[in-house]
Amino acid sequence: MSLAGILEKLYARRRFGIRPGVDRVRLVLERLGHPERSFRSIHVVGTNGKGSTSAFLAAILSAAGVRTALFTSPHLVNFSERFRIDGQEPPPERLETLLATVLAAAPAEATFFEIVTALAALCFAEERAEVAVMEAGMGGRSDATAVIPALMTVITPIALDHCDYLGATLPLIAAEKSAIAEPGTPVVSARQPAEALEVIRRTCAAGGNRFVHEGDDFRAFWMDDGSLDYHGLGVELSRLLPGIPGRYQSQNASLALTAAEVLGASGMTIAPDALTAGIAAARWPGRMELVPGPPRLLLDGAHNPAGAAALAEALDAYRCRRLILVTGVMSDKDVPAIFAPLAGKVHHAYAVTPAVERALNDAVLAGILNGLGFRATACGSVGNGIETARREAGADDLILVCGSLFTVGETKAWLAGDHFEGIRG
């Protein structure tokens, strides 16, 4: 059976939906002989910036000579993107064999993401990873990744998202996410809203966790020449050139640098040149990813109000005659809040329906955008939206594709002529 064939069995597990808890994935790992115990792990939780922060940190560790695994979700185009060893995806035939092993060990009620998490643990053990950077799916203590013990937790900015599962307030979401930290292990956090920060501090105090906070203990600043200066716990770095574009990446890069400093203080050998090299070498597709033109396309996975606000600020660095928007969102998102930061910046918006079950219909989205003051047109599929925008755009215009990682992923697949696997989780 090919990887595509066995993936159909895995995708069938989506019928179980999202079911918080770690008992099922713990059972799978036990049946597999506890592969997660063969490597050390780092949890990365939060609402925005988890993927970029994880990519920066993994690149730093790889630059330091540590055999580093990276687990992220969702994938943009291909399932294998979720698993990387020193930046490389496993071969399809290898992933097929490992997935068959995990499916054979999984109870009938195990969910899609639980099996994928167990697959990551088995894959990383088989590939003899020394450290795995594990991005949480969406939660914290009830996330499937929580079953994997970690020597550190990194918390990116927390905002309202997935409220049906995590809680309707920032304190509830902060409590869920920060509770993933193992007692006595360090916690490195981005700047947080006051009500979230209070909960995180309280969680760390109760667990005996060292708490390191952006702004109080470390910070990074953009310089006039476009480079980044980092002022860390014991390291000062100047003229850094992050490999992942976007003004908001200063925060994600500084989180990764500080996490690496803390790891270095615990005995892991991470030289200053590895910090610089890792920040420069990091890559994260679909985040302020520029596709050459003319006209140019800018792809960004912003899919909630906080992410959209960061995107709107980052757009100031891109000169163009007109900004043309191609966008598709999921039906469970706060659409007006996502697009409010872009109001007044967009010449024409083309609404699309990504090829995933939860997608909001393009005509409905166009109606919402028109109500917000955009000039919006429904375009059907993602590919049709891109083609329509390209016909309107001049050489000096910029086409922005955003609204959902699924929209960005489908765009990348369409541009490359690849099959798109739009799977949540």
Protein backbone atom coordinates (compact mmCIF):
# COMPACT_ATOMS: atom_id res chain seq x y z
CA MET A 1 0.00 0.00 0.00
CA SER A 2 1.33 3.49 -0.88
CA LEU A 3 1.51 6.41 1.55
CA ALA A 4 -1.54 7.92 -0.17
CA GLY A 5 -3.46 4.68 0.38
CA ILE A 6 -2.70 4.38 4.09
CA LEU A 7 -3.35 8.10 4.59
CA GLU A 8 -6.95 7.43 3.59
CA LYS A 9 -7.25 5.20 6.66
CA LEU A 10 -5.79 7.95 8.81
CA TYR A 11 -8.01 10.65 7.32
CA ALA A 12 -11.04 8.50 8.12
CA ARG A 13 -10.24 9.14 11.79
CA ARG A 14 -11.38 12.73 11.34
CA ARG A 15 -14.91 11.46 12.00
CA PHE A 16 -14.00 11.51 15.71
CA GLY A 17 -13.38 15.27 15.53
CA ILE A 18 -11.38 17.01 18.25
CA ARG A 19 -11.44 15.19 21.60
CA PRO A 20 -9.16 16.78 24.20
CA GLY A 21 -7.32 14.40 26.48
CA VAL A 22 -4.16 12.30 26.58
CA ASP A 23 -5.36 8.83 27.61
CA ARG A 24 -5.78 7.49 24.07
CA VAL A 25 -2.42 8.72 22.76
CA ARG A 26 -0.73 7.51 25.95
CA LEU A 27 -2.11 4.02 25.24
CA VAL A 28 -0.76 4.12 21.67
CA LEU A 29 2.71 5.14 22.86
CA GLU A 30 2.67 2.40 25.49
CA ARG A 31 1.84 -0.19 22.83
CA LEU A 32 4.67 1.16 20.68
CA GLY A 33 7.17 0.74 23.51
CA HIS A 34 7.30 4.41 24.52
CA PRO A 35 9.34 5.87 21.63
CA GLU A 36 8.96 9.33 23.17
CA ARG A 37 11.39 8.35 25.92
CA SER A 38 14.31 8.04 23.49
CA PHE A 39 14.67 11.80 22.90
CA ARG A 40 14.24 15.05 24.79
CA SER A 41 11.39 17.39 23.89
CA ILE A 42 10.42 21.05 24.00
CA HIS A 43 6.76 22.11 24.03
CA VAL A 44 5.71 25.16 22.01
CA VAL A 45 2.19 26.40 22.79
CA GLY A 46 0.27 29.63 22.20
CA THR A 47 -2.14 31.13 19.69
CA ASN A 48 0.02 32.90 17.10
CA GLY A 49 3.61 32.33 16.04
CA LYS A 50 3.99 28.71 17.21
CA GLY A 51 5.17 27.43 13.84
CA SER A 52 7.68 30.19 13.19
CA THR A 53 9.05 30.05 16.73
CA SER A 54 9.40 26.27 16.47
CA ALA A 55 11.18 26.60 13.12
CA PHE A 56 13.62 29.18 14.49
CA LEU A 57 14.41 27.04 17.53
CA ALA A 58 14.83 23.84 15.52
CA ALA A 59 17.18 25.62 13.12
CA ILE A 60 19.30 26.93 16.01
CA LEU A 61 19.60 23.47 17.55
CA SER A 62 20.51 21.93 14.18
CA ALA A 63 23.15 24.64 13.66
CA ALA A 64 24.56 23.70 17.08
CA GLY A 65 25.09 20.12 15.90
CA VAL A 66 22.10 18.66 17.75
CA ARG A 67 20.09 16.13 15.74
CA THR A 68 16.79 17.97 15.90
CA ALA A 69 13.25 16.90 15.07
CA LEU A 70 10.40 19.31 14.39
CA PHE A 71 6.69 18.45 14.67
CA THR A 72 4.17 21.02 13.40
CA SER A 73 0.55 21.19 12.27
CA PRO A 74 -1.37 21.57 10.09
CA HIS A 75 0.58 20.92 6.92
CA LEU A 76 0.28 23.35 4.02
CA VAL A 77 0.38 20.99 1.04
CA ASN A 78 1.73 17.50 1.89
CA PHE A 79 1.24 15.41 5.03
CA SER A 80 4.98 14.70 5.39
CA GLU A 81 5.64 18.42 6.09
CA ARG A 82 4.60 17.79 9.69
CA PHE A 83 7.74 15.78 10.47
CA ARG A 84 11.26 17.11 9.90
CA ILE A 85 14.67 15.90 10.99
CA ASP A 86 17.29 18.64 10.66
CA GLY A 87 15.01 20.29 8.14
CA GLN A 88 14.36 17.20 6.02
CA GLU A 89 11.03 15.41 5.62
CA PRO A 90 11.02 11.59 5.88
CA PRO A 91 10.73 9.66 2.59
CA PRO A 92 7.12 8.65 1.75
CA GLU A 93 7.91 4.93 1.90
CA ARG A 94 9.40 5.33 5.40
CA LEU A 95 6.41 7.32 6.63
CA GLU A 96 4.07 4.71 5.15
CA THR A 97 5.72 1.91 7.17
CA LEU A 98 5.70 3.89 10.40
CA LEU A 99 2.09 5.00 9.99
CA ALA A 100 1.00 1.40 9.44
CA THR A 101 2.69 0.48 12.70
CA VAL A 102 0.93 3.27 14.60
CA LEU A 103 -2.48 2.50 13.13
CA ALA A 104 -2.09 -1.14 14.13
CA ALA A 105 -1.40 -0.05 17.72
CA ALA A 106 -4.15 2.57 17.95
CA PRO A 107 -7.49 1.91 19.64
CA ALA A 108 -10.53 2.26 17.43
CA GLU A 109 -11.52 5.59 19.00
CA ALA A 110 -8.12 7.31 18.67
CA THR A 111 -8.42 10.62 16.80
CA PHE A 112 -6.55 11.86 13.77
CA PHE A 113 -4.26 14.20 15.72
CA GLU A 114 -3.58 11.62 18.43
CA ILE A 115 -2.32 9.15 15.84
CA VAL A 116 -0.27 11.84 14.10
CA THR A 117 1.34 12.77 17.43
CA ALA A 118 2.22 9.14 18.12
CA LEU A 119 3.57 8.86 14.57
CA ALA A 120 5.85 11.84 15.23
CA ALA A 121 7.22 10.19 18.37
CA LEU A 122 7.88 6.90 16.56
CA CYS A 123 9.42 8.63 13.55
CA PHE A 124 11.73 10.76 15.68
CA ALA A 125 12.80 7.76 17.75
CA GLU A 126 13.53 5.71 14.63
CA GLU A 127 15.53 8.61 13.18
CA ARG A 128 17.54 8.88 16.41
CA ALA A 129 16.61 12.47 17.14
CA GLU A 130 18.28 13.96 20.19
CA VAL A 131 15.77 16.78 20.73
CA ALA A 132 12.26 17.24 19.33
CA VAL A 133 10.55 20.64 19.10
CA MET A 134 6.85 19.79 19.48
CA GLU A 135 4.28 22.35 18.41
CA ALA A 136 0.98 21.80 20.20
CA GLY A 137 -2.07 21.32 18.03
CA MET A 138 -4.19 24.00 19.65
CA GLY A 139 -4.29 23.39 23.40
CA GLY A 140 -1.98 22.66 26.29
CA ARG A 141 -2.49 20.19 29.09
CA SER A 142 -5.27 18.40 27.13
CA ASP A 143 -3.40 18.47 23.82
CA ALA A 144 -2.14 15.12 22.52
CA THR A 145 1.43 16.45 22.58
CA ALA A 146 1.17 16.92 26.36
CA VAL A 147 1.73 13.19 26.84
CA ILE A 148 5.35 13.69 25.71
CA PRO A 149 7.41 14.94 28.68
CA ALA A 150 9.37 18.09 27.87
CA LEU A 151 12.40 19.78 29.39
CA MET A 152 11.04 23.26 28.54
CA THR A 153 7.87 25.05 27.45
CA VAL A 154 7.79 28.05 25.11
CA ILE A 155 4.59 30.13 25.09
CA THR A 156 3.90 32.36 22.09
CA PRO A 157 1.32 35.19 22.28
CA ILE A 158 -2.07 34.04 23.54
CA ALA A 159 -5.32 35.36 22.05
CA LEU A 160 -8.94 34.26 21.74
CA ASP A 161 -9.13 31.28 19.37
CA HIS A 162 -10.67 27.79 19.46
CA CYS A 163 -12.85 29.08 22.30
CA ASP A 164 -15.23 26.11 22.03
CA TYR A 165 -12.42 23.85 23.24
CA LEU A 166 -10.07 26.07 25.25
CA GLY A 167 -12.39 28.49 27.02
CA ALA A 168 -14.10 31.76 26.21
CA THR A 169 -11.69 34.07 28.06
CA LEU A 170 -7.98 34.80 27.95
CA PRO A 171 -7.41 33.58 31.54
CA LEU A 172 -9.05 30.22 30.74
CA ILE A 173 -7.01 29.80 27.55
CA ALA A 174 -3.80 30.84 29.32
CA ALA A 175 -4.48 28.33 32.10
CA GLU A 176 -5.01 25.51 29.58
CA LYS A 177 -1.92 26.29 27.55
CA SER A 178 0.53 27.01 30.39
CA ALA A 179 -0.51 23.88 32.33
CA ILE A 180 1.36 21.74 29.78
CA ALA A 181 4.65 22.70 31.47
CA GLU A 182 6.30 19.92 33.47
CA PRO A 183 6.81 20.89 37.15
CA GLY A 184 10.26 22.34 37.77
CA THR A 185 11.05 22.99 34.09
CA PRO A 186 11.68 26.46 32.63
CA VAL A 187 8.96 28.40 30.82
CA VAL A 188 9.86 31.06 28.24
CA SER A 189 6.99 33.37 27.31
CA ALA A 190 6.31 36.12 24.81
CA ARG A 191 4.67 39.34 25.94
CA GLN A 192 1.10 38.54 26.92
CA PRO A 193 -2.11 40.44 27.70
CA ALA A 194 -2.16 41.29 31.41
CA GLU A 195 -4.91 38.83 32.31
CA ALA A 196 -3.12 35.98 30.51
CA LEU A 197 0.27 36.88 31.99
CA GLU A 198 -1.12 36.79 35.52
CA VAL A 199 -2.39 33.24 35.01
CA ILE A 200 0.90 32.05 33.49
CA ARG A 201 2.90 33.51 36.37
CA ARG A 202 0.58 31.82 38.85
CA THR A 203 0.89 28.48 37.06
CA CYS A 204 4.68 28.72 37.07
CA ALA A 205 4.80 29.65 40.74
CA ALA A 206 2.65 26.65 41.64
CA GLY A 207 4.77 24.28 39.57
CA GLY A 208 8.15 25.60 40.62
CA ASN A 209 8.89 26.63 37.04
CA ARG A 210 11.51 29.26 36.24
CA PHE A 211 9.64 31.95 34.32
CA VAL A 212 11.40 33.99 31.64
CA HIS A 213 9.35 36.79 30.08
CA GLU A 214 9.84 38.93 26.99
CA GLY A 215 10.24 42.57 27.89
CA ASP A 216 11.39 41.83 31.44
CA ASP A 217 14.20 39.36 30.69
CA PHE A 218 14.87 39.58 26.95
CA ARG A 219 13.88 41.60 23.89
CA ALA A 220 14.68 42.14 20.23
CA PHE A 221 14.53 45.28 18.08
CA TRP A 222 14.55 45.96 14.35
CA MET A 223 17.29 48.34 13.26
CA ASP A 224 17.07 50.93 10.47
CA ASP A 225 19.02 48.68 8.09
CA GLY A 226 16.45 45.87 8.46
CA SER A 227 18.59 43.71 10.74
CA LEU A 228 17.57 42.52 14.21
CA ASP A 229 19.31 43.19 17.52
CA TYR A 230 18.76 40.72 20.36
CA HIS A 231 19.31 41.48 24.05
CA GLY A 232 19.05 38.17 25.88
CA LEU A 233 19.65 36.62 29.26
CA GLY A 234 23.42 36.65 28.84
CA VAL A 235 23.92 37.09 25.12
CA GLU A 236 23.89 40.24 22.99
CA LEU A 237 23.60 39.73 19.21
CA SER A 238 23.59 42.42 16.56
CA ARG A 239 22.70 42.54 12.87
CA LEU A 240 20.77 39.27 12.82
CA LEU A 241 19.06 38.47 9.52
CA PRO A 242 16.07 36.19 10.17
CA GLY A 243 15.39 33.67 7.42
CA ILE A 244 11.62 33.98 7.97
CA PRO A 245 10.37 37.39 6.75
CA GLY A 246 7.92 39.71 8.49
CA ARG A 247 8.26 42.46 11.08
CA TYR A 248 6.42 40.35 13.65
CA GLN A 249 9.13 37.69 13.45
CA SER A 250 11.27 39.71 15.86
CA GLN A 251 9.20 38.27 18.69
CA ASN A 252 9.31 34.70 17.42
CA ALA A 253 13.05 34.88 16.79
CA SER A 254 13.72 36.30 20.25
CA LEU A 255 11.63 33.55 21.87
CA ALA A 256 13.69 30.90 20.09
CA LEU A 257 16.98 32.61 20.95
CA THR A 258 16.07 32.83 24.63
CA ALA A 259 14.89 29.22 24.70
CA ALA A 260 18.27 28.24 23.24
CA GLU A 261 20.05 30.30 25.90
CA VAL A 262 18.12 28.50 28.64
CA LEU A 263 18.98 25.15 27.07
CA GLY A 264 22.62 26.17 26.95
CA ALA A 265 22.56 27.04 30.62
CA SER A 266 21.19 23.55 31.37
CA GLY A 267 24.19 21.86 29.76
CA MET A 268 23.37 21.68 26.05
CA THR A 269 26.23 23.09 23.96
CA ILE A 270 24.91 25.98 21.87
CA ALA A 271 27.59 28.42 20.71
CA PRO A 272 26.74 32.04 19.85
CA ASP A 273 27.49 31.43 16.17
CA ALA A 274 24.82 28.69 16.17
CA LEU A 275 22.30 31.28 17.37
CA THR A 276 23.16 33.59 14.50
CA ALA A 277 23.33 30.81 11.90
CA GLY A 278 20.08 29.20 13.04
CA ILE A 279 18.08 32.43 12.90
CA ALA A 280 19.38 33.02 9.36
CA ALA A 281 18.77 29.44 8.19
CA ALA A 282 15.19 29.11 9.50
CA ARG A 283 12.45 28.73 6.92
CA TRP A 284 8.68 28.59 7.40
CA PRO A 285 6.53 28.42 4.24
CA GLY A 286 3.30 30.37 4.08
CA ARG A 287 4.35 33.11 6.49
CA MET A 288 5.00 36.37 4.63
CA GLU A 289 6.20 34.18 1.76
CA LEU A 290 6.82 36.27 -1.35
CA VAL A 291 6.25 34.67 -4.76
CA PRO A 292 8.06 36.64 -7.50
CA GLY A 293 6.01 38.31 -10.21
CA PRO A 294 5.01 40.36 -11.88
CA PRO A 295 2.64 40.67 -10.19
CA ARG A 296 4.06 39.47 -6.89
CA LEU A 297 2.06 37.28 -4.52
CA LEU A 298 2.46 37.53 -0.76
CA LEU A 299 1.24 34.46 1.16
CA ASP A 300 0.53 34.68 4.88
CA GLY A 301 -1.31 32.29 7.18
CA ALA A 302 -2.91 34.94 9.41
CA HIS A 303 -6.27 33.46 10.43
CA ASN A 304 -7.37 35.25 13.61
CA PRO A 305 -7.62 38.91 14.72
CA ALA A 306 -4.21 39.05 16.41
CA GLY A 307 -2.49 37.46 13.42
CA ALA A 308 -4.27 39.80 11.03
CA ALA A 309 -3.18 42.83 13.05
CA ALA A 310 0.45 41.67 12.84
CA LEU A 311 0.05 41.10 9.10
CA ALA A 312 -1.40 44.58 8.58
CA GLU A 313 1.59 46.13 10.36
CA ALA A 314 4.05 43.99 8.38
CA LEU A 315 2.51 45.14 5.08
CA ASP A 316 4.00 48.60 5.61
CA ALA A 317 7.36 47.17 4.53
CA TYR A 318 6.01 46.19 1.07
CA ARG A 319 5.80 48.90 -1.55
CA CYS A 320 3.13 48.49 -4.19
CA ARG A 321 0.79 50.58 -6.31
CA ARG A 322 -2.31 48.68 -5.19
CA LEU A 323 -2.93 45.83 -2.75
CA ILE A 324 -5.27 43.15 -4.11
CA LEU A 325 -6.62 40.56 -1.68
CA VAL A 326 -7.44 36.91 -2.34
CA THR A 327 -8.90 35.39 0.78
CA GLY A 328 -10.78 32.40 2.13
CA VAL A 329 -11.59 31.65 5.76
CA MET A 330 -13.06 28.91 7.92
CA SER A 331 -16.69 29.18 8.92
CA ASP A 332 -15.97 29.10 12.66
CA LYS A 333 -13.81 32.25 12.64
CA ASP A 334 -14.64 35.81 13.68
CA VAL A 335 -14.52 37.12 10.12
CA PRO A 336 -15.15 40.85 10.81
CA ALA A 337 -12.43 40.92 13.48
CA ILE A 338 -9.94 39.18 11.17
CA PHE A 339 -10.39 41.66 8.32
CA ALA A 340 -10.82 44.89 10.28
CA PRO A 341 -7.02 45.55 10.37
CA LEU A 342 -6.89 45.34 6.55
CA ALA A 343 -9.77 47.74 5.95
CA GLY A 344 -8.62 50.75 3.95
CA LYS A 345 -5.48 49.00 2.67
CA VAL A 346 -7.08 46.80 -0.02
CA HIS A 347 -8.05 48.00 -3.50
CA HIS A 348 -10.14 44.94 -4.39
CA ALA A 349 -10.86 41.72 -2.49
CA TYR A 350 -11.59 38.37 -4.12
CA ALA A 351 -13.34 35.91 -1.81
CA VAL A 352 -12.73 32.20 -2.36
CA THR A 353 -13.88 28.90 -0.89
CA PRO A 354 -10.91 26.68 0.10
CA ALA A 355 -11.34 22.98 -0.63
CA VAL A 356 -11.90 21.94 3.01
CA GLU A 357 -15.08 21.05 4.86
CA ARG A 358 -15.11 23.97 7.28
CA ALA A 359 -14.61 26.65 4.64
CA LEU A 360 -16.94 29.66 4.59
CA ASN A 361 -18.72 30.04 1.26
CA ASP A 362 -17.10 32.68 -0.94
CA ALA A 363 -20.38 34.51 -1.58
CA VAL A 364 -21.04 34.78 2.15
CA LEU A 365 -17.49 36.00 2.74
CA ALA A 366 -17.78 38.58 -0.04
CA GLY A 367 -20.97 39.88 1.55
CA ILE A 368 -19.26 40.28 4.92
CA LEU A 369 -16.29 42.05 3.33
CA ASN A 370 -18.55 44.44 1.43
CA GLY A 371 -20.28 45.24 4.70
CA LEU A 372 -16.88 46.14 6.19
CA GLY A 373 -16.20 48.63 3.41
CA PHE A 374 -14.16 46.41 1.08
CA ARG A 375 -14.88 46.17 -2.64
CA ALA A 376 -15.30 42.40 -2.70
CA THR A 377 -16.18 39.84 -5.37
CA ALA A 378 -16.95 36.15 -4.92
CA CYS A 379 -14.65 33.99 -7.08
CA GLY A 380 -15.36 30.38 -6.16
CA SER A 381 -12.21 28.30 -5.98
CA VAL A 382 -8.80 29.41 -4.77
CA GLY A 383 -7.30 28.90 -8.21
CA ASN A 384 -10.00 31.03 -9.85
CA GLY A 385 -9.41 33.76 -7.29
CA ILE A 386 -5.68 33.85 -8.04
CA GLU A 387 -6.28 33.90 -11.81
CA THR A 388 -8.84 36.70 -11.49
CA ALA A 389 -6.55 38.77 -9.28
CA ARG A 390 -3.66 38.29 -11.69
CA ARG A 391 -5.78 39.54 -14.60
CA GLU A 392 -6.60 42.73 -12.70
CA ALA A 393 -3.17 43.33 -11.18
CA GLY A 394 -0.51 45.43 -12.82
CA ALA A 395 3.21 44.78 -12.58
CA ASP A 396 3.54 47.14 -9.59
CA ASP A 397 0.62 45.70 -7.65
CA LEU A 398 0.83 43.15 -4.81
CA ILE A 399 -1.59 40.24 -4.45
CA LEU A 400 -2.03 39.25 -0.80
CA VAL A 401 -3.31 35.73 -0.08
CA CYS A 402 -4.42 35.23 3.54
CA GLY A 403 -7.34 34.31 5.82
CA SER A 404 -6.45 30.69 6.54
CA LEU A 405 -3.49 28.35 6.36
CA PHE A 406 -5.71 26.17 4.17
CA THR A 407 -6.11 29.03 1.69
CA VAL A 408 -2.35 29.54 1.65
CA GLY A 409 -1.65 25.82 1.33
CA GLU A 410 -4.10 25.40 -1.53
CA THR A 411 -2.53 28.41 -3.26
CA LYS A 412 0.95 26.90 -2.98
CA ALA A 413 -0.31 23.60 -4.35
CA TRP A 414 -2.15 25.33 -7.21
CA LEU A 415 0.91 27.38 -8.16
CA ALA A 416 3.11 24.26 -8.20
CA GLY A 417 0.53 22.03 -9.91
CA ASP A 418 0.53 19.71 -6.87
CA HIS A 419 -2.30 17.83 -5.18
CA PHE A 420 -3.65 19.68 -2.13
CA GLU A 421 -4.30 17.69 1.06
CA GLY A 422 -6.40 20.10 3.13
CA ILE A 423 -6.61 18.29 6.44
CA ARG A 424 -7.25 19.96 9.77
CA GLY A 425 -5.36 18.85 12.87
